[in-house]
């Protein structure tokens, strides 16, 4: 059940992110960390399913999503550091 729920939230996050990337109207804010949570939930649930079922497909999905999570986390982390350094983290966006 948790795997399906986390997959649903991951799909919604991807749709939202693709929309913002297409329109280029999504400035960086601390809220970008919210994109890491659906990926992490899906990765963790894949790990749990893989542990229970020991099925090769879930192992492959787990490794792919671990890499994706790491990439997204690194991007958001460095964007956060950059925004903090420039003092733009607490500006109001209109």
PDB file of N, CA and C in Angstrom:
ATOM      1  N   UNK A   1       0.824  -1.183   0.000  1.00  0.00           N
ATOM      2  CA  UNK A   1       0.000   0.000   0.000  1.00  0.00           C
ATOM      3  C   UNK A   1       0.879   1.263   0.000  1.00  0.00           C
ATOM      4  N   UNK A   2       1.934   1.256   0.826  1.00  0.00           N
ATOM      5  CA  UNK A   2       2.802   2.430   0.881  1.00  0.00           C
ATOM      6  C   UNK A   2       3.563   2.630  -0.431  1.00  0.00           C
ATOM      7  N   UNK A   3       3.893   1.529  -1.093  1.00  0.00           N
ATOM      8  CA  UNK A   3       4.580   1.642  -2.375  1.00  0.00           C
ATOM      9  C   UNK A   3       3.694   2.374  -3.375  1.00  0.00           C
ATOM     10  N   UNK A   4       2.448   2.004  -3.453  1.00  0.00           N
ATOM     11  CA  UNK A   4       1.519   2.655  -4.375  1.00  0.00           C
ATOM     12  C   UNK A   4       1.298   4.115  -4.030  1.00  0.00           C
ATOM     13  N   UNK A   5       1.169   4.401  -2.738  1.00  0.00           N
ATOM     14  CA  UNK A   5       0.976   5.778  -2.302  1.00  0.00           C
ATOM     15  C   UNK A   5       2.202   6.623  -2.639  1.00  0.00           C
ATOM     16  N   UNK A   6       3.387   6.098  -2.376  1.00  0.00           N
ATOM     17  CA  UNK A   6       4.601   6.860  -2.675  1.00  0.00           C
ATOM     18  C   UNK A   6       4.800   7.006  -4.184  1.00  0.00           C
ATOM     19  N   UNK A   7       4.408   6.002  -4.949  1.00  0.00           N
ATOM     20  CA  UNK A   7       4.499   6.104  -6.415  1.00  0.00           C
ATOM     21  C   UNK A   7       3.574   7.206  -6.925  1.00  0.00           C
ATOM     22  N   UNK A   8       2.383   7.296  -6.343  1.00  0.00           N
ATOM     23  CA  UNK A   8       1.415   8.327  -6.735  1.00  0.00           C
ATOM     24  C   UNK A   8       1.992   9.724  -6.472  1.00  0.00           C
ATOM     25  N   UNK A   9       2.567   9.944  -5.305  1.00  0.00           N
ATOM     26  CA  UNK A   9       3.136  11.240  -4.983  1.00  0.00           C
ATOM     27  C   UNK A   9       4.356  11.550  -5.834  1.00  0.00           C
ATOM     28  N   UNK A  10       5.112  10.535  -6.173  1.00  0.00           N
ATOM     29  CA  UNK A  10       6.259  10.739  -7.051  1.00  0.00           C
ATOM     30  C   UNK A  10       5.785  11.203  -8.427  1.00  0.00           C
ATOM     31  N   UNK A  11       4.764  10.565  -8.954  1.00  0.00           N
ATOM     32  CA  UNK A  11       4.228  10.943 -10.273  1.00  0.00           C
ATOM     33  C   UNK A  11       3.709  12.375 -10.251  1.00  0.00           C
ATOM     34  N   UNK A  12       2.988  12.744  -9.188  1.00  0.00           N
ATOM     35  CA  UNK A  12       2.491  14.120  -9.084  1.00  0.00           C
ATOM     36  C   UNK A  12       3.635  15.130  -9.005  1.00  0.00           C
ATOM     37  N   UNK A  13       4.666  14.810  -8.265  1.00  0.00           N
ATOM     38  CA  UNK A  13       5.815  15.715  -8.157  1.00  0.00           C
ATOM     39  C   UNK A  13       6.510  15.875  -9.501  1.00  0.00           C
ATOM     40  N   UNK A  14       6.633  14.790 -10.255  1.00  0.00           N
ATOM     41  CA  UNK A  14       7.264  14.862 -11.582  1.00  0.00           C
ATOM     42  C   UNK A  14       6.423  15.726 -12.521  1.00  0.00           C
ATOM     43  N   UNK A  15       5.109  15.543 -12.501  1.00  0.00           N
ATOM     44  CA  UNK A  15       4.227  16.356 -13.356  1.00  0.00           C
ATOM     45  C   UNK A  15       4.359  17.835 -13.007  1.00  0.00           C
ATOM     46  N   UNK A  16       4.358  18.144 -11.715  1.00  0.00           N
ATOM     47  CA  UNK A  16       4.489  19.528 -11.274  1.00  0.00           C
ATOM     48  C   UNK A  16       5.842  20.103 -11.670  1.00  0.00           C
ATOM     49  N   UNK A  17       6.891  19.361 -11.460  1.00  0.00           N
ATOM     50  CA  UNK A  17       8.228  19.832 -11.807  1.00  0.00           C
ATOM     51  C   UNK A  17       8.364  20.048 -13.312  1.00  0.00           C
ATOM     52  N   UNK A  18       7.838  19.129 -14.114  1.00  0.00           N
ATOM     53  CA  UNK A  18       7.895  19.297 -15.574  1.00  0.00           C
ATOM     54  C   UNK A  18       7.128  20.534 -16.019  1.00  0.00           C
ATOM     55  N   UNK A  19       6.003  20.792 -15.382  1.00  0.00           N
ATOM     56  CA  UNK A  19       5.229  21.996 -15.705  1.00  0.00           C
ATOM     57  C   UNK A  19       6.056  23.254 -15.435  1.00  0.00           C
ATOM     58  N   UNK A  20       6.683  23.319 -14.260  1.00  0.00           N
ATOM     59  CA  UNK A  20       7.476  24.490 -13.912  1.00  0.00           C
ATOM     60  C   UNK A  20       8.719  24.625 -14.776  1.00  0.00           C
ATOM     61  N   UNK A  21       9.342  23.505 -15.130  1.00  0.00           N
ATOM     62  CA  UNK A  21      10.517  23.580 -16.004  1.00  0.00           C
ATOM     63  C   UNK A  21      10.138  24.050 -17.399  1.00  0.00           C
ATOM     64  N   UNK A  22       8.969  23.618 -17.869  1.00  0.00           N
ATOM     65  CA  UNK A  22       8.504  24.021 -19.189  1.00  0.00           C
ATOM     66  C   UNK A  22       8.206  25.521 -19.229  1.00  0.00           C
ATOM     67  N   UNK A  23       7.555  26.029 -18.184  1.00  0.00           N
ATOM     68  CA  UNK A  23       7.162  27.438 -18.151  1.00  0.00           C
ATOM     69  C   UNK A  23       8.241  28.349 -17.578  1.00  0.00           C
ATOM     70  N   UNK A  24       9.248  27.770 -16.960  1.00  0.00           N
ATOM     71  CA  UNK A  24      10.374  28.503 -16.374  1.00  0.00           C
ATOM     72  C   UNK A  24       9.915  29.627 -15.446  1.00  0.00           C
ATOM     73  N   UNK A  25       8.886  29.349 -14.647  1.00  0.00           N
ATOM     74  CA  UNK A  25       8.377  30.369 -13.730  1.00  0.00           C
ATOM     75  C   UNK A  25       8.400  29.899 -12.273  1.00  0.00           C
ATOM     76  N   UNK A  26       9.390  29.114 -11.957  1.00  0.00           N
ATOM     77  CA  UNK A  26       9.484  28.538 -10.617  1.00  0.00           C
ATOM     78  C   UNK A  26      10.836  28.904 -10.010  1.00  0.00           C
ATOM     79  N   UNK A  27      10.924  30.091  -9.376  1.00  0.00           N
ATOM     80  CA  UNK A  27      12.217  30.496  -8.815  1.00  0.00           C
ATOM     81  C   UNK A  27      12.624  29.579  -7.668  1.00  0.00           C
ATOM     82  N   UNK A  28      13.901  29.522  -7.410  1.00  0.00           N
ATOM     83  CA  UNK A  28      14.374  28.665  -6.336  1.00  0.00           C
ATOM     84  C   UNK A  28      13.996  29.254  -4.989  1.00  0.00           C
ATOM     85  N   UNK A  29      13.366  28.429  -4.163  1.00  0.00           N
ATOM     86  CA  UNK A  29      13.025  28.754  -2.787  1.00  0.00           C
ATOM     87  C   UNK A  29      13.255  27.495  -1.957  1.00  0.00           C
ATOM     88  N   UNK A  30      13.173  27.632  -0.626  1.00  0.00           N
ATOM     89  CA  UNK A  30      13.355  26.464   0.231  1.00  0.00           C
ATOM     90  C   UNK A  30      12.346  25.359  -0.080  1.00  0.00           C
ATOM     91  N   UNK A  31      11.223  25.704  -0.664  1.00  0.00           N
ATOM     92  CA  UNK A  31      10.195  24.726  -1.008  1.00  0.00           C
ATOM     93  C   UNK A  31      10.665  23.681  -2.007  1.00  0.00           C
ATOM     94  N   UNK A  32      11.768  23.941  -2.687  1.00  0.00           N
ATOM     95  CA  UNK A  32      12.301  22.948  -3.622  1.00  0.00           C
ATOM     96  C   UNK A  32      12.678  21.667  -2.907  1.00  0.00           C
ATOM     97  N   UNK A  33      12.947  21.762  -1.591  1.00  0.00           N
ATOM     98  CA  UNK A  33      13.258  20.549  -0.837  1.00  0.00           C
ATOM     99  C   UNK A  33      12.084  19.591  -0.856  1.00  0.00           C
ATOM    100  N   UNK A  34      10.890  20.102  -1.098  1.00  0.00           N
ATOM    101  CA  UNK A  34       9.704  19.240  -1.169  1.00  0.00           C
ATOM    102  C   UNK A  34       9.790  18.248  -2.326  1.00  0.00           C
ATOM    103  N   UNK A  35      10.573  18.564  -3.353  1.00  0.00           N
ATOM    104  CA  UNK A  35      10.731  17.627  -4.468  1.00  0.00           C
ATOM    105  C   UNK A  35      11.545  16.392  -4.065  1.00  0.00           C
ATOM    106  N   UNK A  36      12.344  16.519  -3.021  1.00  0.00           N
ATOM    107  CA  UNK A  36      13.135  15.365  -2.600  1.00  0.00           C
ATOM    108  C   UNK A  36      12.301  14.343  -1.835  1.00  0.00           C
ATOM    109  N   UNK A  37      11.250  14.774  -1.186  1.00  0.00           N
ATOM    110  CA  UNK A  37      10.481  13.867  -0.331  1.00  0.00           C
ATOM    111  C   UNK A  37       9.751  12.755  -1.090  1.00  0.00           C
ATOM    112  N   UNK A  38       9.041  13.050  -2.195  1.00  0.00           N
ATOM    113  CA  UNK A  38       8.393  11.947  -2.919  1.00  0.00           C
ATOM    114  C   UNK A  38       9.393  10.936  -3.481  1.00  0.00           C
ATOM    115  N   UNK A  39      10.545  11.433  -3.919  1.00  0.00           N
ATOM    116  CA  UNK A  39      11.575  10.517  -4.428  1.00  0.00           C
ATOM    117  C   UNK A  39      12.098   9.642  -3.297  1.00  0.00           C
ATOM    118  N   UNK A  40      12.337  10.266  -2.154  1.00  0.00           N
ATOM    119  CA  UNK A  40      12.836   9.502  -1.005  1.00  0.00           C
ATOM    120  C   UNK A  40      11.810   8.478  -0.537  1.00  0.00           C
ATOM    121  N   UNK A  41      10.537   8.861  -0.481  1.00  0.00           N
ATOM    122  CA  UNK A  41       9.488   7.922  -0.045  1.00  0.00           C
ATOM    123  C   UNK A  41       9.392   6.741  -1.000  1.00  0.00           C
ATOM    124  N   UNK A  42       9.452   7.015  -2.290  1.00  0.00           N
ATOM    125  CA  UNK A  42       9.369   5.938  -3.277  1.00  0.00           C
ATOM    126  C   UNK A  42      10.603   5.043  -3.198  1.00  0.00           C
ATOM    127  N   UNK A  43      11.767   5.642  -2.974  1.00  0.00           N
ATOM    128  CA  UNK A  43      12.999   4.868  -2.845  1.00  0.00           C
ATOM    129  C   UNK A  43      12.949   3.966  -1.618  1.00  0.00           C
ATOM    130  N   UNK A  44      12.518   4.510  -0.508  1.00  0.00           N
ATOM    131  CA  UNK A  44      12.421   3.725   0.723  1.00  0.00           C
ATOM    132  C   UNK A  44      11.403   2.601   0.583  1.00  0.00           C
ATOM    133  N   UNK A  45      10.251   2.902  -0.021  1.00  0.00           N
ATOM    134  CA  UNK A  45       9.244   1.842  -0.187  1.00  0.00           C
ATOM    135  C   UNK A  45       9.728   0.767  -1.153  1.00  0.00           C
ATOM    136  N   UNK A  46      10.496   1.143  -2.165  1.00  0.00           N
ATOM    137  CA  UNK A  46      11.081   0.139  -3.054  1.00  0.00           C
ATOM    138  C   UNK A  46      12.073  -0.733  -2.316  1.00  0.00           C
ATOM    139  N   UNK A  47      12.837  -0.126  -1.411  1.00  0.00           N
ATOM    140  CA  UNK A  47      13.760  -0.909  -0.602  1.00  0.00           C
ATOM    141  C   UNK A  47      13.038  -1.897   0.284  1.00  0.00           C
ATOM    142  N   UNK A  48      11.914  -1.476   0.865  1.00  0.00           N
ATOM    143  CA  UNK A  48      11.128  -2.376   1.720  1.00  0.00           C
ATOM    144  C   UNK A  48      10.527  -3.522   0.904  1.00  0.00           C
ATOM    145  N   UNK A  49       9.977  -3.190  -0.254  1.00  0.00           N
ATOM    146  CA  UNK A  49       9.395  -4.228  -1.133  1.00  0.00           C
ATOM    147  C   UNK A  49      10.488  -5.192  -1.584  1.00  0.00           C
ATOM    148  N   UNK A  50      11.645  -4.654  -1.942  1.00  0.00           N
ATOM    149  CA  UNK A  50      12.753  -5.485  -2.381  1.00  0.00           C
ATOM    150  C   UNK A  50      13.194  -6.432  -1.261  1.00  0.00           C
ATOM    151  N   UNK A  51      13.226  -5.917  -0.049  1.00  0.00           N
ATOM    152  CA  UNK A  51      13.613  -6.751   1.100  1.00  0.00           C
ATOM    153  C   UNK A  51      12.598  -7.872   1.339  1.00  0.00           C
ATOM    154  N   UNK A  52      11.315  -7.561   1.178  1.00  0.00           N
ATOM    155  CA  UNK A  52      10.272  -8.566   1.411  1.00  0.00           C
ATOM    156  C   UNK A  52      10.185  -9.604   0.302  1.00  0.00           C
ATOM    157  N   UNK A  53      10.246  -9.149  -0.944  1.00  0.00           N
ATOM    158  CA  UNK A  53      10.010 -10.039  -2.081  1.00  0.00           C
ATOM    159  C   UNK A  53      11.292 -10.590  -2.709  1.00  0.00           C
ATOM    160  N   UNK A  54      12.400  -9.880  -2.512  1.00  0.00           N
ATOM    161  CA  UNK A  54      13.677 -10.270  -3.108  1.00  0.00           C
ATOM    162  C   UNK A  54      13.524 -10.526  -4.610  1.00  0.00           C
ATOM    163  N   UNK A  55      12.926  -9.533  -5.275  1.00  0.00           N
ATOM    164  CA  UNK A  55      12.665  -9.618  -6.714  1.00  0.00           C
ATOM    165  C   UNK A  55      13.623  -8.673  -7.428  1.00  0.00           C
ATOM    166  N   UNK A  56      14.280  -9.129  -8.449  1.00  0.00           N
ATOM    167  CA  UNK A  56      15.338  -8.390  -9.138  1.00  0.00           C
ATOM    168  C   UNK A  56      14.863  -7.038  -9.671  1.00  0.00           C
ATOM    169  N   UNK A  57      13.634  -6.942 -10.154  1.00  0.00           N
ATOM    170  CA  UNK A  57      13.127  -5.689 -10.706  1.00  0.00           C
ATOM    171  C   UNK A  57      13.137  -4.589  -9.647  1.00  0.00           C
ATOM    172  N   UNK A  58      12.742  -4.914  -8.429  1.00  0.00           N
ATOM    173  CA  UNK A  58      12.729  -3.913  -7.368  1.00  0.00           C
ATOM    174  C   UNK A  58      14.146  -3.487  -6.983  1.00  0.00           C
ATOM    175  N   UNK A  59      15.098  -4.384  -7.110  1.00  0.00           N
ATOM    176  CA  UNK A  59      16.503  -4.040  -6.852  1.00  0.00           C
ATOM    177  C   UNK A  59      16.994  -3.024  -7.879  1.00  0.00           C
ATOM    178  N   UNK A  60      16.627  -3.220  -9.135  1.00  0.00           N
ATOM    179  CA  UNK A  60      17.025  -2.297 -10.206  1.00  0.00           C
ATOM    180  C   UNK A  60      16.361  -0.937  -9.995  1.00  0.00           C
ATOM    181  N   UNK A  61      15.061  -0.958  -9.702  1.00  0.00           N
ATOM    182  CA  UNK A  61      14.339   0.291  -9.443  1.00  0.00           C
ATOM    183  C   UNK A  61      14.940   1.007  -8.242  1.00  0.00           C
ATOM    184  N   UNK A  62      15.283   0.252  -7.209  1.00  0.00           N
ATOM    185  CA  UNK A  62      15.882   0.834  -6.011  1.00  0.00           C
ATOM    186  C   UNK A  62      17.189   1.552  -6.345  1.00  0.00           C
ATOM    187  N   UNK A  63      18.044   0.935  -7.133  1.00  0.00           N
ATOM    188  CA  UNK A  63      19.324   1.550  -7.486  1.00  0.00           C
ATOM    189  C   UNK A  63      19.130   2.804  -8.345  1.00  0.00           C
ATOM    190  N   UNK A  64      18.198   2.744  -9.284  1.00  0.00           N
ATOM    191  CA  UNK A  64      17.916   3.905 -10.143  1.00  0.00           C
ATOM    192  C   UNK A  64      17.415   5.072  -9.301  1.00  0.00           C
ATOM    193  N   UNK A  65      16.484   4.781  -8.395  1.00  0.00           N
ATOM    194  CA  UNK A  65      15.921   5.860  -7.584  1.00  0.00           C
ATOM    195  C   UNK A  65      16.896   6.354  -6.521  1.00  0.00           C
ATOM    196  N   UNK A  66      17.794   5.521  -6.058  1.00  0.00           N
ATOM    197  CA  UNK A  66      18.848   6.000  -5.166  1.00  0.00           C
ATOM    198  C   UNK A  66      19.713   7.028  -5.884  1.00  0.00           C
ATOM    199  N   UNK A  67      20.067   6.748  -7.124  1.00  0.00           N
ATOM    200  CA  UNK A  67      20.873   7.688  -7.907  1.00  0.00           C
ATOM    201  C   UNK A  67      20.096   8.969  -8.216  1.00  0.00           C
ATOM    202  N   UNK A  68      18.817   8.816  -8.570  1.00  0.00           N
ATOM    203  CA  UNK A  68      17.980   9.982  -8.844  1.00  0.00           C
ATOM    204  C   UNK A  68      17.841  10.843  -7.592  1.00  0.00           C
ATOM    205  N   UNK A  69      17.588  10.218  -6.465  1.00  0.00           N
ATOM    206  CA  UNK A  69      17.460  10.958  -5.210  1.00  0.00           C
ATOM    207  C   UNK A  69      18.755  11.688  -4.883  1.00  0.00           C
ATOM    208  N   UNK A  70      19.866  11.027  -5.050  1.00  0.00           N
ATOM    209  CA  UNK A  70      21.157  11.655  -4.789  1.00  0.00           C
ATOM    210  C   UNK A  70      21.368  12.864  -5.701  1.00  0.00           C
ATOM    211  N   UNK A  71      21.044  12.718  -6.973  1.00  0.00           N
ATOM    212  CA  UNK A  71      21.216  13.821  -7.932  1.00  0.00           C
ATOM    213  C   UNK A  71      20.329  15.006  -7.566  1.00  0.00           C
ATOM    214  N   UNK A  72      19.060  14.747  -7.287  1.00  0.00           N
ATOM    215  CA  UNK A  72      18.141  15.835  -6.936  1.00  0.00           C
ATOM    216  C   UNK A  72      18.575  16.483  -5.627  1.00  0.00           C
ATOM    217  N   UNK A  73      18.965  15.677  -4.657  1.00  0.00           N
ATOM    218  CA  UNK A  73      19.392  16.207  -3.369  1.00  0.00           C
ATOM    219  C   UNK A  73      20.615  17.105  -3.538  1.00  0.00           C
ATOM    220  N   UNK A  74      21.582  16.681  -4.332  1.00  0.00           N
ATOM    221  CA  UNK A  74      22.792  17.479  -4.555  1.00  0.00           C
ATOM    222  C   UNK A  74      22.448  18.798  -5.243  1.00  0.00           C
ATOM    223  N   UNK A  75      21.590  18.754  -6.259  1.00  0.00           N
ATOM    224  CA  UNK A  75      21.196  19.974  -6.970  1.00  0.00           C
ATOM    225  C   UNK A  75      20.520  20.954  -6.020  1.00  0.00           C
ATOM    226  N   UNK A  76      19.553  20.474  -5.250  1.00  0.00           N
ATOM    227  CA  UNK A  76      18.832  21.352  -4.331  1.00  0.00           C
ATOM    228  C   UNK A  76      19.760  21.853  -3.222  1.00  0.00           C
ATOM    229  N   UNK A  77      20.643  21.001  -2.741  1.00  0.00           N
ATOM    230  CA  UNK A  77      21.584  21.406  -1.699  1.00  0.00           C
ATOM    231  C   UNK A  77      22.465  22.554  -2.165  1.00  0.00           C
ATOM    232  N   UNK A  78      23.039  22.413  -3.362  1.00  0.00           N
ATOM    233  CA  UNK A  78      23.931  23.461  -3.848  1.00  0.00           C
ATOM    234  C   UNK A  78      23.170  24.723  -4.244  1.00  0.00           C
ATOM    235  N   UNK A  79      21.943  24.578  -4.731  1.00  0.00           N
ATOM    236  CA  UNK A  79      21.131  25.764  -5.003  1.00  0.00           C
ATOM    237  C   UNK A  79      20.787  26.490  -3.701  1.00  0.00           C
ATOM    238  N   UNK A  80      20.566  25.720  -2.641  1.00  0.00           N
ATOM    239  CA  UNK A  80      20.298  26.326  -1.340  1.00  0.00           C
ATOM    240  C   UNK A  80      21.519  27.084  -0.840  1.00  0.00           C
ATOM    241  N   UNK A  81      22.694  26.459  -0.931  1.00  0.00           N
ATOM    242  CA  UNK A  81      23.920  27.139  -0.516  1.00  0.00           C
ATOM    243  C   UNK A  81      24.142  28.429  -1.312  1.00  0.00           C
ATOM    244  N   UNK A  82      23.897  28.366  -2.601  1.00  0.00           N
ATOM    245  CA  UNK A  82      24.066  29.536  -3.460  1.00  0.00           C
ATOM    246  C   UNK A  82      23.097  30.655  -3.064  1.00  0.00           C
ATOM    247  N   UNK A  83      21.839  30.285  -2.802  1.00  0.00           N
ATOM    248  CA  UNK A  83      20.842  31.275  -2.412  1.00  0.00           C
ATOM    249  C   UNK A  83      21.158  31.886  -1.048  1.00  0.00           C
ATOM    250  N   UNK A  84      21.637  31.067  -0.119  1.00  0.00           N
ATOM    251  CA  UNK A  84      22.010  31.577   1.200  1.00  0.00           C
ATOM    252  C   UNK A  84      23.195  32.535   1.065  1.00  0.00           C
ATOM    253  N   UNK A  85      24.158  32.166   0.263  1.00  0.00           N
ATOM    254  CA  UNK A  85      25.348  33.000   0.064  1.00  0.00           C
ATOM    255  C   UNK A  85      24.966  34.359  -0.528  1.00  0.00           C
ATOM    256  N   UNK A  86      24.013  34.361  -1.459  1.00  0.00           N
ATOM    257  CA  UNK A  86      23.581  35.618  -2.087  1.00  0.00           C
ATOM    258  C   UNK A  86      22.560  36.367  -1.242  1.00  0.00           C
ATOM    259  N   UNK A  87      22.053  35.733  -0.173  1.00  0.00           N
ATOM    260  CA  UNK A  87      21.074  36.377   0.690  1.00  0.00           C
ATOM    261  C   UNK A  87      19.681  36.427   0.096  1.00  0.00           C
ATOM    262  N   UNK A  88      19.370  35.524  -0.825  1.00  0.00           N
ATOM    263  CA  UNK A  88      18.087  35.540  -1.514  1.00  0.00           C
ATOM    264  C   UNK A  88      17.072  34.556  -0.937  1.00  0.00           C
ATOM    265  N   UNK A  89      17.421  33.876   0.118  1.00  0.00           N
ATOM    266  CA  UNK A  89      16.525  32.831   0.640  1.00  0.00           C
ATOM    267  C   UNK A  89      15.255  33.369   1.275  1.00  0.00           C
ATOM    268  N   UNK A  90      15.339  34.570   1.799  1.00  0.00           N
ATOM    269  CA  UNK A  90      14.200  35.076   2.535  1.00  0.00           C
ATOM    270  C   UNK A  90      13.519  36.242   1.829  1.00  0.00           C
ATOM    271  N   UNK A  91      13.786  36.381   0.526  1.00  0.00           N
ATOM    272  CA  UNK A  91      13.119  37.399  -0.255  1.00  0.00           C
ATOM    273  C   UNK A  91      11.708  36.943  -0.603  1.00  0.00           C
ATOM    274  N   UNK A  92      10.827  37.888  -0.739  1.00  0.00           N
ATOM    275  CA  UNK A  92       9.459  37.565  -1.120  1.00  0.00           C
ATOM    276  C   UNK A  92       9.374  37.507  -2.642  1.00  0.00           C
ATOM    277  N   UNK A  93       8.807  36.395  -3.160  1.00  0.00           N
ATOM    278  CA  UNK A  93       8.633  36.239  -4.601  1.00  0.00           C
ATOM    279  C   UNK A  93       7.203  36.552  -4.971  1.00  0.00           C
ATOM    280  N   UNK A  94       7.051  37.339  -6.021  1.00  0.00           N
ATOM    281  CA  UNK A  94       5.692  37.719  -6.451  1.00  0.00           C
ATOM    282  C   UNK A  94       5.360  37.065  -7.756  1.00  0.00           C
TER     283      UNK A  94
END
